[in-house]
Structures are given as C-alpha cells and as structure tokens.
Protein backbone atom coordinates (compact mmCIF):
# COMPACT_ATOMS: atom_id res chain seq x y z
CA UNK A 1 -63.67 -11.03 11.75
CA UNK A 2 -61.23 -13.51 10.23
CA UNK A 3 -63.29 -13.76 7.03
CA UNK A 4 -63.38 -9.95 6.71
CA UNK A 5 -59.62 -9.85 7.24
CA UNK A 6 -59.04 -12.39 4.45
CA UNK A 7 -61.35 -10.49 2.13
CA UNK A 8 -59.52 -7.27 2.82
CA UNK A 9 -56.17 -8.97 2.15
CA UNK A 10 -57.44 -10.37 -1.16
CA UNK A 11 -58.68 -6.94 -2.14
CA UNK A 12 -55.30 -5.38 -1.19
CA UNK A 13 -53.35 -7.91 -3.27
CA UNK A 14 -55.76 -7.44 -6.16
CA UNK A 15 -55.22 -3.66 -6.06
CA UNK A 16 -51.57 -3.41 -5.05
CA UNK A 17 -50.05 -6.86 -5.31
CA UNK A 18 -49.17 -6.57 -8.99
CA UNK A 19 -47.51 -3.20 -8.46
CA UNK A 20 -45.47 -4.57 -5.55
CA UNK A 21 -44.44 -7.59 -7.60
CA UNK A 22 -43.31 -5.37 -10.46
CA UNK A 23 -41.28 -3.19 -8.06
CA UNK A 24 -39.59 -6.25 -6.52
CA UNK A 25 -38.82 -7.71 -9.95
CA UNK A 26 -37.41 -4.38 -11.13
CA UNK A 27 -35.19 -4.23 -8.04
CA UNK A 28 -33.93 -7.77 -8.67
CA UNK A 29 -33.24 -6.90 -12.31
CA UNK A 30 -31.28 -3.80 -11.32
CA UNK A 31 -29.14 -5.81 -8.90
CA UNK A 32 -28.59 -8.51 -11.54
CA UNK A 33 -27.67 -5.99 -14.24
CA UNK A 34 -25.30 -4.22 -11.82
CA UNK A 35 -23.59 -7.51 -11.06
CA UNK A 36 -23.21 -8.32 -14.76
CA UNK A 37 -21.87 -4.85 -15.59
CA UNK A 38 -19.45 -4.98 -12.66
CA UNK A 39 -18.17 -8.38 -13.76
CA UNK A 40 -17.70 -7.15 -17.33
CA UNK A 41 -16.05 -3.86 -16.34
CA UNK A 42 -12.24 -4.23 -16.37
CA UNK A 43 -10.95 -4.32 -12.80
CA UNK A 44 -7.90 -2.19 -12.17
CA UNK A 45 -4.58 -2.43 -10.39
CA UNK A 46 -3.27 0.74 -8.74
CA UNK A 47 0.43 1.14 -7.88
CA UNK A 48 1.26 4.37 -6.05
CA UNK A 49 4.77 5.66 -5.42
CA UNK A 50 4.04 7.75 -2.37
CA UNK A 51 5.58 11.17 -1.85
CA UNK A 52 7.12 10.63 1.60
CA UNK A 53 10.38 12.57 1.14
CA UNK A 54 13.82 10.96 0.90
CA UNK A 55 12.87 7.32 0.95
CA UNK A 56 10.65 4.63 -0.56
CA UNK A 57 7.02 3.76 0.10
CA UNK A 58 4.93 1.99 -2.55
CA UNK A 59 1.28 1.06 -2.13
CA UNK A 60 -0.17 -1.68 -4.34
CA UNK A 61 -3.97 -2.02 -4.47
CA UNK A 62 -5.16 -5.02 -6.47
CA UNK A 63 -8.42 -5.30 -8.45
CA UNK A 64 -10.08 -7.42 -5.75
CA UNK A 65 -9.16 -5.00 -2.97
CA UNK A 66 -5.98 -6.56 -1.58
CA UNK A 67 -3.23 -4.22 -0.39
CA UNK A 68 0.54 -4.53 -0.30
CA UNK A 69 2.88 -1.90 1.14
CA UNK A 70 6.51 -2.01 0.03
CA UNK A 71 8.61 0.02 2.50
CA UNK A 72 7.33 2.92 4.59
CA UNK A 73 9.70 5.84 4.15
CA UNK A 74 11.71 7.77 6.77
CA UNK A 75 8.91 9.19 8.96
CA UNK A 76 5.29 8.68 9.99
CA UNK A 77 4.18 10.70 6.94
CA UNK A 78 3.21 7.34 5.46
CA UNK A 79 0.10 7.31 7.67
CA UNK A 80 -1.19 10.49 6.04
CA UNK A 81 -0.56 9.07 2.58
CA UNK A 82 -2.28 5.78 3.38
CA UNK A 83 -5.31 7.52 4.89
CA UNK A 84 -5.75 9.39 1.61
CA UNK A 85 -5.88 6.15 -0.37
CA UNK A 86 -7.46 3.54 1.88
CA UNK A 87 -11.05 3.45 3.09
CA UNK A 88 -11.56 5.13 6.48
CA UNK A 89 -12.70 1.92 8.17
CA UNK A 90 -10.13 -0.28 6.43
CA UNK A 91 -7.51 -1.12 9.04
CA UNK A 92 -6.03 -4.15 7.27
CA UNK A 93 -2.96 -4.45 5.06
CA UNK A 94 -2.56 -7.85 3.46
CA UNK A 95 1.18 -7.77 2.79
CA UNK A 96 4.02 -5.59 4.04
CA UNK A 97 7.51 -5.76 2.54
CA UNK A 98 10.61 -4.36 4.23
CA UNK A 99 13.11 -4.46 1.38
CA UNK A 100 16.11 -3.87 3.68
CA UNK A 101 16.78 -2.38 7.14
CA UNK A 102 17.77 1.20 6.16
CA UNK A 103 15.86 3.87 8.07
CA UNK A 104 14.62 5.68 4.94
CA UNK A 105 12.74 2.52 4.00
CA UNK A 106 11.52 1.04 7.28
CA UNK A 107 11.02 3.85 9.82
CA UNK A 108 7.48 4.49 8.57
CA UNK A 109 6.61 0.81 8.85
CA UNK A 110 6.64 1.08 12.64
CA UNK A 111 3.61 3.43 12.92
CA UNK A 112 1.91 1.40 10.17
CA UNK A 113 2.23 -1.73 12.31
CA UNK A 114 0.78 0.21 15.24
CA UNK A 115 -2.25 1.43 13.28
CA UNK A 116 -3.03 -1.39 10.84
CA UNK A 117 -3.51 -5.15 11.07
CA UNK A 118 -0.83 -6.63 8.82
CA UNK A 119 -1.35 -10.25 7.81
CA UNK A 120 1.87 -11.18 5.97
CA UNK A 121 5.31 -9.59 6.29
CA UNK A 122 8.26 -10.17 3.96
CA UNK A 123 11.66 -9.13 5.27
CA UNK A 124 15.19 -8.95 3.92
CA UNK A 125 17.96 -11.32 4.90
CA UNK A 126 19.97 -8.33 6.12
CA UNK A 127 19.84 -7.06 9.68
CA UNK A 128 20.98 -3.84 11.31
CA UNK A 129 22.14 -2.73 14.75
CA UNK A 130 20.26 0.56 14.58
CA UNK A 131 17.57 1.53 17.06
CA UNK A 132 15.06 1.85 14.22
CA UNK A 133 15.61 -1.72 13.06
CA UNK A 134 15.45 -2.99 16.63
CA UNK A 135 12.11 -1.19 17.12
CA UNK A 136 10.80 -2.54 13.81
CA UNK A 137 11.79 -6.10 14.78
CA UNK A 138 9.93 -5.74 18.08
CA UNK A 139 6.79 -4.50 16.33
CA UNK A 140 6.93 -7.34 13.80
CA UNK A 141 7.20 -9.89 16.61
CA UNK A 142 4.16 -8.37 18.32
CA UNK A 143 2.06 -8.19 15.15
CA UNK A 144 1.17 -11.90 15.06
CA UNK A 145 1.58 -11.89 11.27
CA UNK A 146 3.02 -14.56 8.99
CA UNK A 147 6.66 -13.51 8.62
CA UNK A 148 8.86 -14.76 5.78
CA UNK A 149 12.43 -14.02 4.75
CA UNK A 150 12.05 -13.21 1.05
CA UNK A 151 13.99 -15.33 -1.45
CA UNK A 152 14.11 -15.80 -5.21
CA UNK A 153 11.04 -17.53 -6.73
CA UNK A 154 8.77 -16.77 -3.79
CA UNK A 155 5.37 -15.72 -5.15
CA UNK A 156 2.39 -13.80 -3.87
CA UNK A 157 -0.73 -14.69 -5.82
CA UNK A 158 -3.61 -12.34 -5.01
CA UNK A 159 -6.01 -14.52 -7.06
CA UNK A 160 -7.15 -11.62 -9.24
CA UNK A 161 -4.45 -12.00 -11.93
CA UNK A 162 -1.96 -9.96 -9.91
CA UNK A 163 1.18 -11.90 -9.05
CA UNK A 164 4.25 -10.57 -7.23
CA UNK A 165 7.39 -12.62 -7.76
CA UNK A 166 10.61 -12.26 -5.77
CA UNK A 167 13.68 -12.06 -8.01
CA UNK A 168 16.38 -11.39 -5.40
CA UNK A 169 18.13 -12.31 -3.13
CA UNK A 170 19.07 -15.92 -3.86
CA UNK A 171 18.53 -18.76 -1.40
CA UNK A 172 22.25 -19.03 -0.69
CA UNK A 173 22.80 -15.28 -0.35
CA UNK A 174 25.19 -14.41 2.47
CA UNK A 175 24.59 -11.02 4.08
CA UNK A 176 27.41 -8.51 4.07
CA UNK A 177 28.25 -6.93 7.40
CA UNK A 178 28.19 -3.28 6.38
CA UNK A 179 26.10 -3.29 3.19
CA UNK A 180 22.37 -3.68 3.67
CA UNK A 181 21.62 -2.37 0.16
CA UNK A 182 23.07 -5.56 -1.32
CA UNK A 183 20.28 -7.55 0.33
CA UNK A 184 17.42 -5.42 -1.03
CA UNK A 185 14.36 -7.54 -1.75
CA UNK A 186 13.59 -7.07 -5.45
CA UNK A 187 10.38 -8.11 -7.16
CA UNK A 188 8.28 -7.87 -10.29
CA UNK A 189 4.53 -7.39 -10.14
CA UNK A 190 2.53 -8.58 -13.13
CA UNK A 191 -1.02 -7.84 -14.16
CA UNK A 192 -2.02 -8.68 -17.69
CA UNK A 193 0.38 -7.03 -20.11
CA UNK A 194 1.83 -4.68 -17.50
CA UNK A 195 4.84 -5.38 -15.27
CA UNK A 196 6.36 -3.33 -12.46
CA UNK A 197 9.95 -3.77 -11.28
CA UNK A 198 10.84 -2.74 -7.70
CA UNK A 199 14.45 -3.14 -6.57
CA UNK A 200 14.77 -1.23 -3.30
CA UNK A 201 18.33 0.11 -3.04
CA UNK A 202 19.90 -2.74 -5.00
CA UNK A 203 23.27 -1.61 -6.45
CA UNK A 204 24.07 -2.06 -10.13
CA UNK A 205 26.73 -4.70 -9.37
CA UNK A 206 23.91 -7.01 -8.26
CA UNK A 207 21.36 -6.07 -10.93
CA UNK A 208 22.62 -8.67 -13.38
CA UNK A 209 21.23 -11.31 -11.01
CA UNK A 210 17.74 -10.00 -11.68
CA UNK A 211 18.19 -10.80 -15.36
CA UNK A 212 19.47 -14.27 -14.45
CA UNK A 213 16.32 -14.73 -12.35
CA UNK A 214 14.17 -14.74 -15.49
CA UNK A 215 13.18 -11.09 -15.20
CA UNK A 216 10.44 -10.04 -17.63
CA UNK A 217 11.99 -8.21 -20.56
CA UNK A 218 8.99 -5.96 -21.07
CA UNK A 219 8.91 -3.76 -17.97
CA UNK A 220 6.26 -1.07 -18.01
CA UNK A 221 7.27 0.74 -14.80
CA UNK A 222 10.70 0.61 -13.19
CA UNK A 223 11.30 2.11 -9.76
CA UNK A 224 14.81 3.50 -10.15
CA UNK A 225 17.07 1.75 -7.66
CA UNK A 226 18.39 3.64 -4.62
CA UNK A 227 16.48 6.88 -5.32
CA UNK A 228 18.38 7.50 -8.55
CA UNK A 229 21.84 6.96 -7.07
CA UNK A 230 24.71 6.65 -9.53
CA UNK A 231 25.42 3.22 -8.07
CA UNK A 232 22.09 1.76 -9.25
CA UNK A 233 20.06 1.58 -12.49
CA UNK A 234 23.06 0.35 -14.41
CA UNK A 235 23.38 0.15 -18.18
CA UNK A 236 23.06 -3.65 -18.28
CA UNK A 237 19.71 -3.69 -16.51
CA UNK A 238 18.21 -0.69 -18.33
CA UNK A 239 19.25 -1.97 -21.73
CA UNK A 240 17.55 -5.28 -20.93
CA UNK A 241 14.23 -3.93 -19.60
CA UNK A 242 13.86 -0.62 -21.57
CA UNK A 243 11.02 0.52 -19.30
CA UNK A 244 8.19 2.69 -20.54
CA UNK A 245 8.30 4.67 -17.29
CA UNK A 246 11.08 5.12 -14.74
CA UNK A 247 10.10 6.48 -11.34
CA UNK A 248 12.50 8.22 -8.97
CA UNK A 249 11.44 8.31 -5.32
CA UNK A 250 13.49 10.96 -3.51
CA UNK A 251 13.22 14.09 -1.40
CA UNK A 252 13.76 17.61 -2.65
CA UNK A 253 17.25 19.01 -1.95
CA UNK A 254 18.30 15.82 -0.17
CA UNK A 255 21.86 15.66 1.20
CA UNK A 256 22.78 12.70 -1.01
CA UNK A 257 22.33 14.57 -4.27
CA UNK A 258 19.73 12.08 -5.51
CA UNK A 259 18.97 11.63 -8.32
CA UNK A 260 22.45 11.61 -9.80
CA UNK A 261 22.86 13.23 -13.23
CA UNK A 262 24.68 10.20 -14.65
CA UNK A 263 21.75 8.02 -13.65
CA UNK A 264 19.26 10.44 -15.14
CA UNK A 265 21.18 10.30 -18.41
CA UNK A 266 21.02 6.50 -18.43
CA UNK A 267 17.32 6.52 -17.61
CA UNK A 268 16.67 9.03 -20.40
CA UNK A 269 18.56 6.80 -22.83
CA UNK A 270 16.46 3.70 -22.15
CA UNK A 271 13.12 4.97 -20.77
CA UNK A 272 10.32 6.66 -22.63
CA UNK A 273 9.44 8.85 -19.66
CA UNK A 274 10.97 9.69 -16.26
CA UNK A 275 8.79 10.71 -13.33
CA UNK A 276 9.93 11.89 -9.89
CA UNK A 277 8.18 12.35 -6.56
CA UNK A 278 10.24 15.53 -6.15
CA UNK A 279 8.43 17.30 -8.97
CA UNK A 280 5.22 15.26 -9.36
CA UNK A 281 4.42 14.25 -5.77
CA UNK A 282 2.75 10.88 -5.39
CA UNK A 283 2.74 9.05 -8.71
CA UNK A 284 0.03 6.44 -9.33
CA UNK A 285 -0.24 3.98 -12.19
CA UNK A 286 -3.72 2.59 -12.82
CA UNK A 287 -4.17 -0.27 -15.26
CA UNK A 288 -6.71 -2.87 -16.34
CA UNK A 289 -3.83 -5.06 -17.48
CA UNK A 290 -3.87 -3.63 -20.99
CA UNK A 291 -4.09 0.16 -20.81
CA UNK A 292 -2.19 2.37 -18.36
CA UNK A 293 -3.17 5.71 -16.82
CA UNK A 294 -0.80 7.93 -14.83
CA UNK A 295 -1.96 10.19 -12.02
CA UNK A 296 0.20 12.69 -10.12
CA UNK A 297 -0.36 14.97 -7.12
CA UNK A 298 1.39 18.01 -8.59
C-alpha cells in the first residue's frame, strides 16, 4: 500500500508538479513586480481643507498612511467629512492639533476624540473659560494620548519625507487674557518641493514673527488666517510668501462677513489663485512632492 502510494505521488508530480511550480513562481513574480512598481510609484500627500461651515478643519494624510487633523470646526459635521476620507475600519488619528480654544476650531474635536483613538495632541498655550473648552480639556485628559503644548521649532517627522514644523508661538509667549487668536498654533508642512502654511486665526500683527521663525519663502498653499478676516493675511506676510494658492475656510453668509473684501484684494495681489470652501466645498491638494493636483467637492 505504501509503495503504491509513493508511486502514485511520483506520477502526480511528474504530470502536475511542473505546472504547479510554474504557477507558484508566476505568483511570486507578480508579488515581486507589484512591490517594485509600488516602491517606484510616487507616493502622495493629501491635504484637505474640509467644508465644515464657519470654522477650520484640515485633514493631512501622508504618503505612508499617517493622519493629522488640524482643528475640527464648529459642529460634529467633521465626523461625516472624516468618514468620507478615512477607511471604514480605521479608527486611529496619529496627530490632532487644536490651534486655539475658539469654538469654531475645537468644538468638532470633541466627537472626534469620542470616536477615534488619537495618539498625539498638540494644544495652544491659550485657555478659555467656555463650556466647549472645558469639555475638550476633559476629553483630552481621558484620551490617554501624548499631549504637548506647541512651541516654535517643535517638529513632527512622519518618516515619509513629510515634516510639520511649528513656527509660532514662541517659548516665552505670554497668553493674553481676552485674545485667544494671538496664541494660534501656526505651522508649515513640507513635502518635497511643496509647502503648506497653516496659521489658525493668527492676526496680522503677529504674522511678522512667522517670517522671523525662518518661514519658507516658497509657500505653495496658504490657509488664509482667520477665515479671511481683514485682521489677518497682512501685506508683510503675503509679500514674503507669494503663495501659489490661498484657501479661505468659511461658512456661507456667516455673521462675521468673512472673507473681508480688503483681504480678498490682498490675496489677489500676491496669490496666483484663491479657493474658498464657500464656493468649492472641501478643497484637497494632492502632491508627490513635485507636482500638485487640486480636487474640489463643488
């Protein structure tokens, strides 16, 4: 019986073994070729200015799959926008940034902390006595994340050529009692030849400090400060960075009158193109570090 079994096995290998070997080798070759092609294909950074109404919410997705959320807007609409852009089973956010305590920037971060596992949180030096900020602080304490107060020269290296560098506030910055905008965490995000500048609601009287902080002179995308308020995006900063794109994140018919016409005029003077979430919805910039593509919802 054993001898017959061995003979049958030899006959099977003689008839089918070569075919099986070829199939296995072909499969290995396909996997190898796929790996080579994937490694040679330029990996892309995606920066999305989410359409969440009158506020700020910016999602950064790096080439290696890391995620960073800068602000969360004024409502839980951020959850809908994130679900459209993150994998269904992905419940992790690597970095969250609360640029300052104003409700139109941090309210949406509360439901995000309830739904997602956030690993690192950067916060502003400013505090607020509002119920929203108190609720946010409680959620941050319960998140068990690494929490850092953002300061100039802090860096986030995602180890895929994407680096986020904090430009403001300074280490010796003293918070002002009734002005949280002054403490807005401002950063540049670099990937290859492309640089993004995010300044929260930083007023123009503080923007000169960004230049002093060794701000890159070649800004590809500038998120217009304070939703296009006349008190941000000053002449000094715009003349220095001359961005290719300026993005205004604001809500339609908002009670603040954002964006201000004076600001729009300044942006038109120094930018090649102005985009707004009011008219274009969510605005996404996709780049391999050399070429840039722009996608909009509307």
